[in-house]
C-alpha atoms as a PDB file:
ATOM      1  CA  MET A   1       0.000   0.000   0.000  1.00  0.00           C
ATOM      2  CA  THR A   2       1.278   3.425  -0.878  1.00  0.00           C
ATOM      3  CA  ASP A   3      -0.103   6.817  -0.056  1.00  0.00           C
ATOM      4  CA  ILE A   4      -0.489   9.151  -2.965  1.00  0.00           C
ATOM      5  CA  GLY A   5       1.186  12.455  -2.328  1.00  0.00           C
ATOM      6  CA  SER A   6       0.430  15.398  -4.571  1.00  0.00           C
ATOM      7  CA  SER A   7       4.011  15.996  -5.680  1.00  0.00           C
ATOM      8  CA  GLY A   8       4.876  14.517  -9.017  1.00  0.00           C
ATOM      9  CA  LEU A   9       1.245  14.144 -10.060  1.00  0.00           C
ATOM     10  CA  PRO A  10      -0.171  15.924 -13.086  1.00  0.00           C
ATOM     11  CA  GLU A  11      -1.966  19.180 -12.301  1.00  0.00           C
ATOM     12  CA  SER A  12      -5.342  17.680 -13.282  1.00  0.00           C
ATOM     13  CA  LEU A  13      -4.967  14.913 -10.681  1.00  0.00           C
ATOM     14  CA  ARG A  14      -3.784  17.340  -8.002  1.00  0.00           C
ATOM     15  CA  ALA A  15      -6.833  19.507  -8.712  1.00  0.00           C
ATOM     16  CA  ARG A  16      -9.142  16.499  -8.478  1.00  0.00           C
ATOM     17  CA  ILE A  17      -7.602  15.425  -5.164  1.00  0.00           C
ATOM     18  CA  ALA A  18      -7.983  18.962  -3.804  1.00  0.00           C
ATOM     19  CA  GLU A  19     -11.601  19.129  -4.986  1.00  0.00           C
ATOM     20  CA  ARG A  20     -12.530  15.822  -3.358  1.00  0.00           C
ATOM     21  CA  SER A  21     -10.643  16.703  -0.184  1.00  0.00           C
ATOM     22  CA  ALA A  22     -12.615  19.946   0.133  1.00  0.00           C
ATOM     23  CA  LEU A  23     -16.016  18.203   0.200  1.00  0.00           C
ATOM     24  CA  SER A  24     -18.124  18.510   3.336  1.00  0.00           C
ATOM     25  CA  PRO A  25     -18.348  15.442   5.599  1.00  0.00           C
ATOM     26  CA  ILE A  26     -21.850  14.604   4.372  1.00  0.00           C
ATOM     27  CA  ASP A  27     -20.738  14.842   0.739  1.00  0.00           C
ATOM     28  CA  LYS A  28     -17.754  12.603   1.471  1.00  0.00           C
ATOM     29  CA  VAL A  29     -20.111  10.034   3.005  1.00  0.00           C
ATOM     30  CA  ARG A  30     -22.313  10.299  -0.083  1.00  0.00           C
ATOM     31  CA  ALA A  31     -19.259   9.703  -2.286  1.00  0.00           C
ATOM     32  CA  LEU A  32     -18.338   6.670  -0.182  1.00  0.00           C
ATOM     33  CA  LEU A  33     -21.831   5.241  -0.425  1.00  0.00           C
ATOM     34  CA  HIS A  34     -22.108   5.894  -4.166  1.00  0.00           C
ATOM     35  CA  GLY A  35     -18.643   4.524  -4.855  1.00  0.00           C
ATOM     36  CA  TYR A  36     -18.615   1.405  -2.697  1.00  0.00           C
ATOM     37  CA  VAL A  37     -22.086   0.547  -1.416  1.00  0.00           C
ATOM     38  CA  HIS A  38     -24.682   1.565  -4.002  1.00  0.00           C
ATOM     39  CA  ASP A  39     -24.065  -1.256  -6.506  1.00  0.00           C
ATOM     40  CA  ALA A  40     -22.662  -3.874  -4.117  1.00  0.00           C
ATOM     41  CA  ASP A  41     -24.597  -7.107  -3.719  1.00  0.00           C
ATOM     42  CA  SER A  42     -23.418  -7.671  -0.133  1.00  0.00           C
ATOM     43  CA  PHE A  43     -21.469  -6.120   2.689  1.00  0.00           C
ATOM     44  CA  ASP A  44     -18.665  -8.591   1.926  1.00  0.00           C
ATOM     45  CA  GLU A  45     -18.430  -7.089  -1.555  1.00  0.00           C
ATOM     46  CA  VAL A  46     -18.200  -3.601  -0.018  1.00  0.00           C
ATOM     47  CA  ARG A  47     -15.366  -4.794   2.239  1.00  0.00           C
ATOM     48  CA  GLU A  48     -13.482  -6.334  -0.715  1.00  0.00           C
ATOM     49  CA  GLU A  49     -13.805  -3.154  -2.794  1.00  0.00           C
ATOM     50  CA  LEU A  50     -12.467  -1.107   0.124  1.00  0.00           C
ATOM     51  CA  ARG A  51      -9.546  -3.536   0.502  1.00  0.00           C
ATOM     52  CA  ASP A  52      -8.778  -3.278  -3.209  1.00  0.00           C
ATOM     53  CA  THR A  53      -8.645   0.507  -2.932  1.00  0.00           C
ATOM     54  CA  ALA A  54      -6.492   0.364   0.211  1.00  0.00           C
ATOM     55  CA  GLU A  55      -3.881  -1.678  -1.660  1.00  0.00           C
ATOM     56  CA  THR A  56      -3.233   1.396  -3.807  1.00  0.00           C
ATOM     57  CA  SER A  57      -3.913   4.265  -1.414  1.00  0.00           C
ATOM     58  CA  THR A  58      -5.774   5.013   1.809  1.00  0.00           C
ATOM     59  CA  LEU A  59      -5.946   8.771   1.197  1.00  0.00           C
ATOM     60  CA  PHE A  60      -9.670   8.983   0.415  1.00  0.00           C
ATOM     61  CA  LEU A  61     -10.574   6.052   2.664  1.00  0.00           C
ATOM     62  CA  GLU A  62      -9.122   7.968   5.601  1.00  0.00           C
ATOM     63  CA  GLN A  63     -11.163  11.019   4.593  1.00  0.00           C
ATOM     64  CA  TYR A  64     -14.293   8.863   4.405  1.00  0.00           C
ATOM     65  CA  LEU A  65     -13.501   7.505   7.864  1.00  0.00           C
ATOM     66  CA  VAL A  66     -13.262  10.992   9.385  1.00  0.00           C
ATOM     67  CA  ALA A  67     -16.428  12.059   7.558  1.00  0.00           C
ATOM     68  CA  LEU A  68     -18.368   9.060   8.910  1.00  0.00           C
ATOM     69  CA  GLU A  69     -17.087   9.729  12.422  1.00  0.00           C
ATOM     70  CA  THR A  70     -18.189  13.352  12.074  1.00  0.00           C
ATOM     71  CA  ILE A  71     -21.735  12.737  10.871  1.00  0.00           C
ATOM     72  CA  LEU A  72     -22.267   9.969  13.416  1.00  0.00           C
ATOM     73  CA  SER A  73     -21.026  12.105  16.298  1.00  0.00           C
ATOM     74  CA  GLU A  74     -23.028  15.225  15.449  1.00  0.00           C
ATOM     75  CA  PRO A  75     -26.821  15.532  15.518  1.00  0.00           C
ATOM     76  CA  GLN A  76     -28.274  15.286  12.011  1.00  0.00           C
ATOM     77  CA  PRO A  77     -31.668  16.531  10.836  1.00  0.00           C
ATOM     78  CA  GLU A  78     -34.315  13.820  11.066  1.00  0.00           C
ATOM     79  CA  GLY A  79     -34.221  11.469   8.092  1.00  0.00           C
ATOM     80  CA  THR A  80     -30.688  12.403   7.019  1.00  0.00           C
ATOM     81  CA  LEU A  81     -29.005   9.126   7.935  1.00  0.00           C
ATOM     82  CA  LEU A  82     -31.848   7.091   6.491  1.00  0.00           C
ATOM     83  CA  ARG A  83     -31.677   9.030   3.207  1.00  0.00           C
ATOM     84  CA  LEU A  84     -27.925   8.468   3.071  1.00  0.00           C
ATOM     85  CA  VAL A  85     -28.177   4.704   3.515  1.00  0.00           C
ATOM     86  CA  ALA A  86     -31.395   4.069   1.592  1.00  0.00           C
ATOM     87  CA  GLY A  87     -30.913   6.649  -1.159  1.00  0.00           C
ATOM     88  CA  ASP A  88     -27.195   7.183  -1.645  1.00  0.00           C
ATOM     89  CA  GLY A  89     -26.255   3.680  -0.512  1.00  0.00           C
ATOM     90  CA  ASN A  90     -29.194   1.915  -2.180  1.00  0.00           C
ATOM     91  CA  ARG A  91     -29.659  -0.246   0.929  1.00  0.00           C
ATOM     92  CA  GLY A  92     -33.020  -1.477   2.050  1.00  0.00           C
ATOM     93  CA  LEU A  93     -33.200  -1.625   5.835  1.00  0.00           C
ATOM     94  CA  ASP A  94     -35.528  -3.961   7.739  1.00  0.00           C
ATOM     95  CA  ASP A  95     -36.210  -1.050  10.099  1.00  0.00           C
ATOM     96  CA  PRO A  96     -36.231   2.095   7.932  1.00  0.00           C
ATOM     97  CA  THR A  97     -35.233   4.565  10.648  1.00  0.00           C
ATOM     98  CA  ASP A  98     -32.315   6.863  11.338  1.00  0.00           C
ATOM     99  CA  ALA A  99     -31.295   4.568  14.200  1.00  0.00           C
ATOM    100  CA  SER A 100     -31.075   1.582  11.869  1.00  0.00           C
ATOM    101  CA  ALA A 101     -29.222   3.666   9.275  1.00  0.00           C
ATOM    102  CA  ALA A 102     -26.784   4.821  11.981  1.00  0.00           C
ATOM    103  CA  ALA A 103     -26.108   1.190  12.880  1.00  0.00           C
ATOM    104  CA  TYR A 104     -25.359   0.426   9.227  1.00  0.00           C
ATOM    105  CA  LEU A 105     -23.033   3.426   8.974  1.00  0.00           C
ATOM    106  CA  ARG A 106     -21.256   2.395  12.211  1.00  0.00           C
ATOM    107  CA  ARG A 107     -20.669  -1.044  10.689  1.00  0.00           C
ATOM    108  CA  LEU A 108     -19.256   0.635   7.583  1.00  0.00           C
ATOM    109  CA  LEU A 109     -17.080   2.845   9.800  1.00  0.00           C
ATOM    110  CA  GLU A 110     -15.638  -0.139  11.646  1.00  0.00           C
ATOM    111  CA  THR A 111     -14.985  -1.898   8.340  1.00  0.00           C
ATOM    112  CA  LEU A 112     -13.138   1.156   7.046  1.00  0.00           C
ATOM    113  CA  ARG A 113     -11.057   1.300  10.248  1.00  0.00           C
ATOM    114  CA  SER A 114     -10.127  -2.345   9.873  1.00  0.00           C
ATOM    115  CA  VAL A 115      -9.278  -2.065   6.171  1.00  0.00           C
ATOM    116  CA  ILE A 116      -7.104   1.014   6.722  1.00  0.00           C
ATOM    117  CA  ALA A 117      -5.319  -0.557   9.688  1.00  0.00           C
ATOM    118  CA  SER A 118      -4.596  -3.718   7.679  1.00  0.00           C
ATOM    119  CA  ALA A 119      -3.309  -1.707   4.726  1.00  0.00           C
ATOM    120  CA  LYS A 120      -0.963   0.277   6.938  1.00  0.00           C
ATOM    121  CA  GLY A 121       0.285  -2.967   8.453  1.00  0.00           C
END
């Protein structure tokens, strides 16, 4: 696993990294859900996709981790977490509530922590 630093990268990639890094926590969580969860058939598939990414770089995974920690530690408007999981993540929950969505996001958070820790060895 290597971390991607901005030096030596083409300007277009540096700009893209800066743009993604500047997203708000909620937008970073949306990006995580769209990129890894939305089309996955199972949570195991999500975990494998995260591991594949971590083999190359943990830069954005670490940003997703902080973003998840942030939105789970701060009060969110009612329905926000449910919309994230059900809408952005395309996950049907047996109990369609913010509490159930928070539990799903906590599971995703712990998976991210584990994947990042393994990648960093």
